[in-house]
Amino acid sequence: MSEMRQDIRNYIVENFLFGQDDLEDDTSFLDRGILDSTGVLYLVDHIELTYSIKVENDEMLPENLDTIKAICSYIERKQTTSAQSVKE
């Protein structure tokens, strides 16, 4: 498991599941009632601080933030885009 994937999993388990880790990488946080709107904001704050990216308001979508797999893909896309814009 990648370091990023493990970090996101640990954050969700510690802050929203109180140590009970029964998540798969594609478990929907919304379907399971794991995150509410406030939880999403805390998650976004963690992502921005940990991975040095800016999550824009229009990017706070389930396809970006609803599963561990989606979050990791989103972060990787943002980092790639950020790295490309620095090169230009």
PDB file of N, CA and C in Angstrom:
ATOM      1  N   MET A   1       0.846  -1.181   0.000  1.00  0.00           N
ATOM      2  CA  MET A   1       0.000   0.000   0.000  1.00  0.00           C
ATOM      3  C   MET A   1       0.884   1.235   0.000  1.00  0.00           C
ATOM      4  N   SER A   2       0.529   2.176  -0.839  1.00  0.00           N
ATOM      5  CA  SER A   2       1.346   3.382  -0.937  1.00  0.00           C
ATOM      6  C   SER A   2       1.262   4.182   0.359  1.00  0.00           C
ATOM      7  N   GLU A   3       2.269   5.003   0.566  1.00  0.00           N
ATOM      8  CA  GLU A   3       2.320   5.844   1.762  1.00  0.00           C
ATOM      9  C   GLU A   3       1.129   6.803   1.800  1.00  0.00           C
ATOM     10  N   MET A   4       0.783   7.382   0.653  1.00  0.00           N
ATOM     11  CA  MET A   4      -0.353   8.298   0.593  1.00  0.00           C
ATOM     12  C   MET A   4      -1.649   7.572   0.956  1.00  0.00           C
ATOM     13  N   ARG A   5      -1.852   6.417   0.374  1.00  0.00           N
ATOM     14  CA  ARG A   5      -3.061   5.632   0.628  1.00  0.00           C
ATOM     15  C   ARG A   5      -3.168   5.300   2.119  1.00  0.00           C
ATOM     16  N   GLN A   6      -2.045   4.917   2.709  1.00  0.00           N
ATOM     17  CA  GLN A   6      -2.035   4.583   4.131  1.00  0.00           C
ATOM     18  C   GLN A   6      -2.312   5.817   4.986  1.00  0.00           C
ATOM     19  N   ASP A   7      -1.761   6.955   4.608  1.00  0.00           N
ATOM     20  CA  ASP A   7      -2.007   8.197   5.345  1.00  0.00           C
ATOM     21  C   ASP A   7      -3.491   8.565   5.312  1.00  0.00           C
ATOM     22  N   ILE A   8      -4.099   8.512   4.146  1.00  0.00           N
ATOM     23  CA  ILE A   8      -5.518   8.857   4.024  1.00  0.00           C
ATOM     24  C   ILE A   8      -6.357   7.881   4.840  1.00  0.00           C
ATOM     25  N   ARG A   9      -6.064   6.601   4.734  1.00  0.00           N
ATOM     26  CA  ARG A   9      -6.778   5.578   5.508  1.00  0.00           C
ATOM     27  C   ARG A   9      -6.657   5.864   7.002  1.00  0.00           C
ATOM     28  N   ASN A  10      -5.435   6.115   7.466  1.00  0.00           N
ATOM     29  CA  ASN A  10      -5.220   6.380   8.887  1.00  0.00           C
ATOM     30  C   ASN A  10      -5.997   7.612   9.341  1.00  0.00           C
ATOM     31  N   TYR A  11      -5.998   8.661   8.522  1.00  0.00           N
ATOM     32  CA  TYR A  11      -6.718   9.883   8.875  1.00  0.00           C
ATOM     33  C   TYR A  11      -8.212   9.604   9.031  1.00  0.00           C
ATOM     34  N   ILE A  12      -8.804   8.906   8.082  1.00  0.00           N
ATOM     35  CA  ILE A  12     -10.231   8.586   8.132  1.00  0.00           C
ATOM     36  C   ILE A  12     -10.542   7.706   9.343  1.00  0.00           C
ATOM     37  N   VAL A  13      -9.744   6.668   9.543  1.00  0.00           N
ATOM     38  CA  VAL A  13      -9.988   5.732  10.646  1.00  0.00           C
ATOM     39  C   VAL A  13      -9.862   6.434  11.998  1.00  0.00           C
ATOM     40  N   GLU A  14      -8.813   7.222  12.175  1.00  0.00           N
ATOM     41  CA  GLU A  14      -8.581   7.873  13.459  1.00  0.00           C
ATOM     42  C   GLU A  14      -9.594   8.975  13.752  1.00  0.00           C
ATOM     43  N   ASN A  15     -10.009   9.728  12.731  1.00  0.00           N
ATOM     44  CA  ASN A  15     -10.851  10.898  12.958  1.00  0.00           C
ATOM     45  C   ASN A  15     -12.340  10.659  12.781  1.00  0.00           C
ATOM     46  N   PHE A  16     -12.718   9.636  12.043  1.00  0.00           N
ATOM     47  CA  PHE A  16     -14.140   9.439  11.759  1.00  0.00           C
ATOM     48  C   PHE A  16     -14.652   8.053  12.120  1.00  0.00           C
ATOM     49  N   LEU A  17     -13.765   7.082  12.223  1.00  0.00           N
ATOM     50  CA  LEU A  17     -14.201   5.714  12.545  1.00  0.00           C
ATOM     51  C   LEU A  17     -13.729   5.258  13.920  1.00  0.00           C
ATOM     52  N   PHE A  18     -13.063   6.149  14.634  1.00  0.00           N
ATOM     53  CA  PHE A  18     -12.625   5.881  16.010  1.00  0.00           C
ATOM     54  C   PHE A  18     -11.851   4.572  16.138  1.00  0.00           C
ATOM     55  N   GLY A  19     -10.947   4.365  15.164  1.00  0.00           N
ATOM     56  CA  GLY A  19     -10.042   3.225  15.216  1.00  0.00           C
ATOM     57  C   GLY A  19     -10.543   1.957  14.571  1.00  0.00           C
ATOM     58  N   GLN A  20     -11.789   1.909  14.137  1.00  0.00           N
ATOM     59  CA  GLN A  20     -12.327   0.702  13.514  1.00  0.00           C
ATOM     60  C   GLN A  20     -12.076   0.751  12.010  1.00  0.00           C
ATOM     61  N   ASP A  21     -11.086   0.004  11.558  1.00  0.00           N
ATOM     62  CA  ASP A  21     -10.709   0.028  10.145  1.00  0.00           C
ATOM     63  C   ASP A  21     -11.315  -1.156   9.412  1.00  0.00           C
ATOM     64  N   ASP A  22     -12.482  -0.938   8.807  1.00  0.00           N
ATOM     65  CA  ASP A  22     -13.084  -1.973   7.974  1.00  0.00           C
ATOM     66  C   ASP A  22     -13.326  -1.428   6.563  1.00  0.00           C
ATOM     67  N   LEU A  23     -12.485  -0.475   6.180  1.00  0.00           N
ATOM     68  CA  LEU A  23     -12.622   0.175   4.873  1.00  0.00           C
ATOM     69  C   LEU A  23     -11.869  -0.561   3.787  1.00  0.00           C
ATOM     70  N   GLU A  24     -12.496  -0.624   2.638  1.00  0.00           N
ATOM     71  CA  GLU A  24     -11.804  -1.004   1.416  1.00  0.00           C
ATOM     72  C   GLU A  24     -11.424   0.309   0.734  1.00  0.00           C
ATOM     73  N   ASP A  25     -10.496   0.269  -0.198  1.00  0.00           N
ATOM     74  CA  ASP A  25     -10.075   1.495  -0.881  1.00  0.00           C
ATOM     75  C   ASP A  25     -11.201   2.127  -1.683  1.00  0.00           C
ATOM     76  N   ASP A  26     -12.225   1.348  -2.044  1.00  0.00           N
ATOM     77  CA  ASP A  26     -13.326   1.898  -2.822  1.00  0.00           C
ATOM     78  C   ASP A  26     -14.633   1.992  -2.026  1.00  0.00           C
ATOM     79  N   THR A  27     -14.550   1.934  -0.693  1.00  0.00           N
ATOM     80  CA  THR A  27     -15.726   2.123   0.156  1.00  0.00           C
ATOM     81  C   THR A  27     -16.169   3.581   0.094  1.00  0.00           C
ATOM     82  N   SER A  28     -17.429   3.815  -0.221  1.00  0.00           N
ATOM     83  CA  SER A  28     -17.965   5.178  -0.315  1.00  0.00           C
ATOM     84  C   SER A  28     -18.206   5.743   1.083  1.00  0.00           C
ATOM     85  N   PHE A  29     -17.573   6.875   1.364  1.00  0.00           N
ATOM     86  CA  PHE A  29     -17.766   7.542   2.650  1.00  0.00           C
ATOM     87  C   PHE A  29     -19.199   8.053   2.786  1.00  0.00           C
ATOM     88  N   LEU A  30     -19.772   8.516   1.680  1.00  0.00           N
ATOM     89  CA  LEU A  30     -21.145   9.036   1.708  1.00  0.00           C
ATOM     90  C   LEU A  30     -22.157   7.911   1.922  1.00  0.00           C
ATOM     91  N   ASP A  31     -22.007   6.832   1.161  1.00  0.00           N
ATOM     92  CA  ASP A  31     -22.946   5.710   1.282  1.00  0.00           C
ATOM     93  C   ASP A  31     -22.918   5.108   2.685  1.00  0.00           C
ATOM     94  N   ARG A  32     -21.749   5.070   3.293  1.00  0.00           N
ATOM     95  CA  ARG A  32     -21.599   4.488   4.636  1.00  0.00           C
ATOM     96  C   ARG A  32     -21.860   5.504   5.743  1.00  0.00           C
ATOM     97  N   GLY A  33     -22.070   6.761   5.397  1.00  0.00           N
ATOM     98  CA  GLY A  33     -22.324   7.778   6.407  1.00  0.00           C
ATOM     99  C   GLY A  33     -21.093   8.121   7.235  1.00  0.00           C
ATOM    100  N   ILE A  34     -19.910   7.936   6.660  1.00  0.00           N
ATOM    101  CA  ILE A  34     -18.657   8.180   7.379  1.00  0.00           C
ATOM    102  C   ILE A  34     -18.358   9.673   7.465  1.00  0.00           C
ATOM    103  N   LEU A  35     -18.575  10.391   6.364  1.00  0.00           N
ATOM    104  CA  LEU A  35     -18.302  11.831   6.331  1.00  0.00           C
ATOM    105  C   LEU A  35     -19.574  12.621   6.088  1.00  0.00           C
ATOM    106  N   ASP A  36     -19.724  13.703   6.836  1.00  0.00           N
ATOM    107  CA  ASP A  36     -20.763  14.682   6.538  1.00  0.00           C
ATOM    108  C   ASP A  36     -20.062  15.911   5.961  1.00  0.00           C
ATOM    109  N   SER A  37     -20.794  16.996   5.770  1.00  0.00           N
ATOM    110  CA  SER A  37     -20.188  18.175   5.144  1.00  0.00           C
ATOM    111  C   SER A  37     -19.042  18.740   5.980  1.00  0.00           C
ATOM    112  N   THR A  38     -19.166  18.721   7.284  1.00  0.00           N
ATOM    113  CA  THR A  38     -18.075  19.197   8.145  1.00  0.00           C
ATOM    114  C   THR A  38     -16.873  18.270   8.054  1.00  0.00           C
ATOM    115  N   GLY A  39     -17.120  16.979   8.008  1.00  0.00           N
ATOM    116  CA  GLY A  39     -16.044  16.008   7.873  1.00  0.00           C
ATOM    117  C   GLY A  39     -15.265  16.200   6.590  1.00  0.00           C
ATOM    118  N   VAL A  40     -15.974  16.528   5.522  1.00  0.00           N
ATOM    119  CA  VAL A  40     -15.312  16.781   4.239  1.00  0.00           C
ATOM    120  C   VAL A  40     -14.359  17.970   4.379  1.00  0.00           C
ATOM    121  N   LEU A  41     -14.789  19.002   5.084  1.00  0.00           N
ATOM    122  CA  LEU A  41     -13.927  20.178   5.277  1.00  0.00           C
ATOM    123  C   LEU A  41     -12.667  19.821   6.058  1.00  0.00           C
ATOM    124  N   TYR A  42     -12.812  18.996   7.090  1.00  0.00           N
ATOM    125  CA  TYR A  42     -11.637  18.546   7.846  1.00  0.00           C
ATOM    126  C   TYR A  42     -10.710  17.715   6.958  1.00  0.00           C
ATOM    127  N   LEU A  43     -11.292  16.843   6.160  1.00  0.00           N
ATOM    128  CA  LEU A  43     -10.502  16.026   5.245  1.00  0.00           C
ATOM    129  C   LEU A  43      -9.762  16.906   4.243  1.00  0.00           C
ATOM    130  N   VAL A  44     -10.439  17.886   3.687  1.00  0.00           N
ATOM    131  CA  VAL A  44      -9.824  18.801   2.718  1.00  0.00           C
ATOM    132  C   VAL A  44      -8.664  19.548   3.380  1.00  0.00           C
ATOM    133  N   ASP A  45      -8.861  20.005   4.599  1.00  0.00           N
ATOM    134  CA  ASP A  45      -7.795  20.697   5.329  1.00  0.00           C
ATOM    135  C   ASP A  45      -6.577  19.789   5.486  1.00  0.00           C
ATOM    136  N   HIS A  46      -6.807  18.536   5.851  1.00  0.00           N
ATOM    137  CA  HIS A  46      -5.710  17.568   5.988  1.00  0.00           C
ATOM    138  C   HIS A  46      -4.984  17.370   4.654  1.00  0.00           C
ATOM    139  N   ILE A  47      -5.745  17.217   3.589  1.00  0.00           N
ATOM    140  CA  ILE A  47      -5.150  17.014   2.268  1.00  0.00           C
ATOM    141  C   ILE A  47      -4.302  18.223   1.873  1.00  0.00           C
ATOM    142  N   GLU A  48      -4.844  19.418   2.055  1.00  0.00           N
ATOM    143  CA  GLU A  48      -4.111  20.626   1.662  1.00  0.00           C
ATOM    144  C   GLU A  48      -2.823  20.789   2.460  1.00  0.00           C
ATOM    145  N   LEU A  49      -2.886  20.563   3.756  1.00  0.00           N
ATOM    146  CA  LEU A  49      -1.695  20.723   4.603  1.00  0.00           C
ATOM    147  C   LEU A  49      -0.660  19.631   4.350  1.00  0.00           C
ATOM    148  N   THR A  50      -1.123  18.414   4.191  1.00  0.00           N
ATOM    149  CA  THR A  50      -0.207  17.280   4.047  1.00  0.00           C
ATOM    150  C   THR A  50       0.430  17.214   2.669  1.00  0.00           C
ATOM    151  N   TYR A  51      -0.340  17.531   1.635  1.00  0.00           N
ATOM    152  CA  TYR A  51       0.128  17.331   0.260  1.00  0.00           C
ATOM    153  C   TYR A  51       0.393  18.627  -0.495  1.00  0.00           C
ATOM    154  N   SER A  52       0.326  19.750   0.190  1.00  0.00           N
ATOM    155  CA  SER A  52       0.654  21.059  -0.379  1.00  0.00           C
ATOM    156  C   SER A  52      -0.080  21.335  -1.690  1.00  0.00           C
ATOM    157  N   ILE A  53      -1.381  21.061  -1.671  1.00  0.00           N
ATOM    158  CA  ILE A  53      -2.214  21.382  -2.819  1.00  0.00           C
ATOM    159  C   ILE A  53      -3.387  22.227  -2.336  1.00  0.00           C
ATOM    160  N   LYS A  54      -4.039  22.905  -3.267  1.00  0.00           N
ATOM    161  CA  LYS A  54      -5.235  23.685  -2.963  1.00  0.00           C
ATOM    162  C   LYS A  54      -6.436  22.972  -3.560  1.00  0.00           C
ATOM    163  N   VAL A  55      -7.367  22.581  -2.704  1.00  0.00           N
ATOM    164  CA  VAL A  55      -8.606  21.965  -3.170  1.00  0.00           C
ATOM    165  C   VAL A  55      -9.597  23.099  -3.418  1.00  0.00           C
ATOM    166  N   GLU A  56      -9.929  23.310  -4.667  1.00  0.00           N
ATOM    167  CA  GLU A  56     -10.863  24.376  -5.042  1.00  0.00           C
ATOM    168  C   GLU A  56     -12.293  23.954  -4.688  1.00  0.00           C
ATOM    169  N   ASN A  57     -13.150  24.939  -4.458  1.00  0.00           N
ATOM    170  CA  ASN A  57     -14.541  24.646  -4.103  1.00  0.00           C
ATOM    171  C   ASN A  57     -15.221  23.748  -5.130  1.00  0.00           C
ATOM    172  N   ASP A  58     -14.966  23.999  -6.419  1.00  0.00           N
ATOM    173  CA  ASP A  58     -15.624  23.201  -7.457  1.00  0.00           C
ATOM    174  C   ASP A  58     -15.019  21.804  -7.607  1.00  0.00           C
ATOM    175  N   GLU A  59     -13.964  21.512  -6.839  1.00  0.00           N
ATOM    176  CA  GLU A  59     -13.354  20.176  -6.852  1.00  0.00           C
ATOM    177  C   GLU A  59     -13.813  19.324  -5.670  1.00  0.00           C
ATOM    178  N   MET A  60     -14.605  19.899  -4.771  1.00  0.00           N
ATOM    179  CA  MET A  60     -15.114  19.156  -3.613  1.00  0.00           C
ATOM    180  C   MET A  60     -16.315  18.324  -4.033  1.00  0.00           C
ATOM    181  N   LEU A  61     -16.025  17.312  -4.825  1.00  0.00           N
ATOM    182  CA  LEU A  61     -17.042  16.444  -5.411  1.00  0.00           C
ATOM    183  C   LEU A  61     -16.820  15.007  -4.973  1.00  0.00           C
ATOM    184  N   PRO A  62     -17.883  14.208  -4.938  1.00  0.00           N
ATOM    185  CA  PRO A  62     -17.710  12.804  -4.568  1.00  0.00           C
ATOM    186  C   PRO A  62     -16.682  12.067  -5.428  1.00  0.00           C
ATOM    187  N   GLU A  63     -16.629  12.393  -6.725  1.00  0.00           N
ATOM    188  CA  GLU A  63     -15.661  11.687  -7.575  1.00  0.00           C
ATOM    189  C   GLU A  63     -14.212  11.977  -7.179  1.00  0.00           C
ATOM    190  N   ASN A  64     -13.977  13.032  -6.404  1.00  0.00           N
ATOM    191  CA  ASN A  64     -12.632  13.351  -5.918  1.00  0.00           C
ATOM    192  C   ASN A  64     -12.400  12.943  -4.469  1.00  0.00           C
ATOM    193  N   LEU A  65     -13.455  12.907  -3.657  1.00  0.00           N
ATOM    194  CA  LEU A  65     -13.262  12.799  -2.207  1.00  0.00           C
ATOM    195  C   LEU A  65     -14.097  11.730  -1.514  1.00  0.00           C
ATOM    196  N   ASP A  66     -14.735  10.826  -2.241  1.00  0.00           N
ATOM    197  CA  ASP A  66     -15.664   9.892  -1.612  1.00  0.00           C
ATOM    198  C   ASP A  66     -15.059   8.547  -1.223  1.00  0.00           C
ATOM    199  N   THR A  67     -13.884   8.230  -1.721  1.00  0.00           N
ATOM    200  CA  THR A  67     -13.227   6.969  -1.362  1.00  0.00           C
ATOM    201  C   THR A  67     -11.723   7.219  -1.206  1.00  0.00           C
ATOM    202  N   ILE A  68     -11.054   6.301  -0.567  1.00  0.00           N
ATOM    203  CA  ILE A  68      -9.597   6.415  -0.442  1.00  0.00           C
ATOM    204  C   ILE A  68      -8.965   6.420  -1.828  1.00  0.00           C
ATOM    205  N   LYS A  69      -9.432   5.540  -2.683  1.00  0.00           N
ATOM    206  CA  LYS A  69      -8.905   5.447  -4.052  1.00  0.00           C
ATOM    207  C   LYS A  69      -9.103   6.758  -4.808  1.00  0.00           C
ATOM    208  N   ALA A  70     -10.301   7.351  -4.706  1.00  0.00           N
ATOM    209  CA  ALA A  70     -10.597   8.607  -5.402  1.00  0.00           C
ATOM    210  C   ALA A  70      -9.723   9.745  -4.878  1.00  0.00           C
ATOM    211  N   ILE A  71      -9.532   9.792  -3.572  1.00  0.00           N
ATOM    212  CA  ILE A  71      -8.710  10.850  -2.976  1.00  0.00           C
ATOM    213  C   ILE A  71      -7.271  10.746  -3.463  1.00  0.00           C
ATOM    214  N   CYS A  72      -6.726   9.561  -3.461  1.00  0.00           N
ATOM    215  CA  CYS A  72      -5.337   9.382  -3.915  1.00  0.00           C
ATOM    216  C   CYS A  72      -5.193   9.765  -5.386  1.00  0.00           C
ATOM    217  N   SER A  73      -6.136   9.370  -6.222  1.00  0.00           N
ATOM    218  CA  SER A  73      -6.098   9.737  -7.645  1.00  0.00           C
ATOM    219  C   SER A  73      -6.181  11.247  -7.804  1.00  0.00           C
ATOM    220  N   TYR A  74      -7.063  11.871  -7.034  1.00  0.00           N
ATOM    221  CA  TYR A  74      -7.225  13.325  -7.088  1.00  0.00           C
ATOM    222  C   TYR A  74      -5.928  14.032  -6.693  1.00  0.00           C
ATOM    223  N   ILE A  75      -5.326  13.615  -5.587  1.00  0.00           N
ATOM    224  CA  ILE A  75      -4.080  14.237  -5.125  1.00  0.00           C
ATOM    225  C   ILE A  75      -2.993  14.076  -6.179  1.00  0.00           C
ATOM    226  N   GLU A  76      -2.873  12.895  -6.747  1.00  0.00           N
ATOM    227  CA  GLU A  76      -1.851  12.656  -7.776  1.00  0.00           C
ATOM    228  C   GLU A  76      -2.074  13.557  -8.992  1.00  0.00           C
ATOM    229  N   ARG A  77      -3.333  13.726  -9.406  1.00  0.00           N
ATOM    230  CA  ARG A  77      -3.638  14.617 -10.545  1.00  0.00           C
ATOM    231  C   ARG A  77      -3.261  16.054 -10.209  1.00  0.00           C
ATOM    232  N   LYS A  78      -3.624  16.500  -9.022  1.00  0.00           N
ATOM    233  CA  LYS A  78      -3.313  17.874  -8.609  1.00  0.00           C
ATOM    234  C   LYS A  78      -1.805  18.102  -8.539  1.00  0.00           C
ATOM    235  N   GLN A  79      -1.082  17.149  -7.988  1.00  0.00           N
ATOM    236  CA  GLN A  79       0.365  17.297  -7.897  1.00  0.00           C
ATOM    237  C   GLN A  79       1.004  17.305  -9.269  1.00  0.00           C
ATOM    238  N   THR A  80       0.515  16.492 -10.172  1.00  0.00           N
ATOM    239  CA  THR A  80       1.037  16.446 -11.536  1.00  0.00           C
ATOM    240  C   THR A  80       0.757  17.767 -12.241  1.00  0.00           C
ATOM    241  N   THR A  81      -0.452  18.278 -12.112  1.00  0.00           N
ATOM    242  CA  THR A  81      -0.829  19.546 -12.726  1.00  0.00           C
ATOM    243  C   THR A  81       0.014  20.685 -12.149  1.00  0.00           C
ATOM    244  N   SER A  82       0.206  20.667 -10.849  1.00  0.00           N
ATOM    245  CA  SER A  82       1.003  21.703 -10.184  1.00  0.00           C
ATOM    246  C   SER A  82       2.452  21.657 -10.646  1.00  0.00           C
ATOM    247  N   ALA A  83       3.003  20.461 -10.764  1.00  0.00           N
ATOM    248  CA  ALA A  83       4.389  20.308 -11.205  1.00  0.00           C
ATOM    249  C   ALA A  83       4.550  20.769 -12.652  1.00  0.00           C
ATOM    250  N   GLN A  84       3.554  20.496 -13.493  1.00  0.00           N
ATOM    251  CA  GLN A  84       3.621  20.917 -14.890  1.00  0.00           C
ATOM    252  C   GLN A  84       3.537  22.428 -15.010  1.00  0.00           C
ATOM    253  N   SER A  85       2.713  23.069 -14.199  1.00  0.00           N
ATOM    254  CA  SER A  85       2.588  24.523 -14.294  1.00  0.00           C
ATOM    255  C   SER A  85       3.842  25.229 -13.787  1.00  0.00           C
ATOM    256  N   VAL A  86       4.563  24.597 -12.858  1.00  0.00           N
ATOM    257  CA  VAL A  86       5.821  25.179 -12.371  1.00  0.00           C
ATOM    258  C   VAL A  86       6.880  25.134 -13.461  1.00  0.00           C
ATOM    259  N   LYS A  87       6.875  24.062 -14.269  1.00  0.00           N
ATOM    260  CA  LYS A  87       7.857  23.903 -15.344  1.00  0.00           C
ATOM    261  C   LYS A  87       7.637  24.940 -16.458  1.00  0.00           C
ATOM    262  N   GLU A  88       6.400  25.369 -16.632  1.00  0.00           N
ATOM    263  CA  GLU A  88       6.074  26.275 -17.749  1.00  0.00           C
ATOM    264  C   GLU A  88       6.451  27.669 -17.487  1.00  0.00           C
TER     265      GLU A  88
END
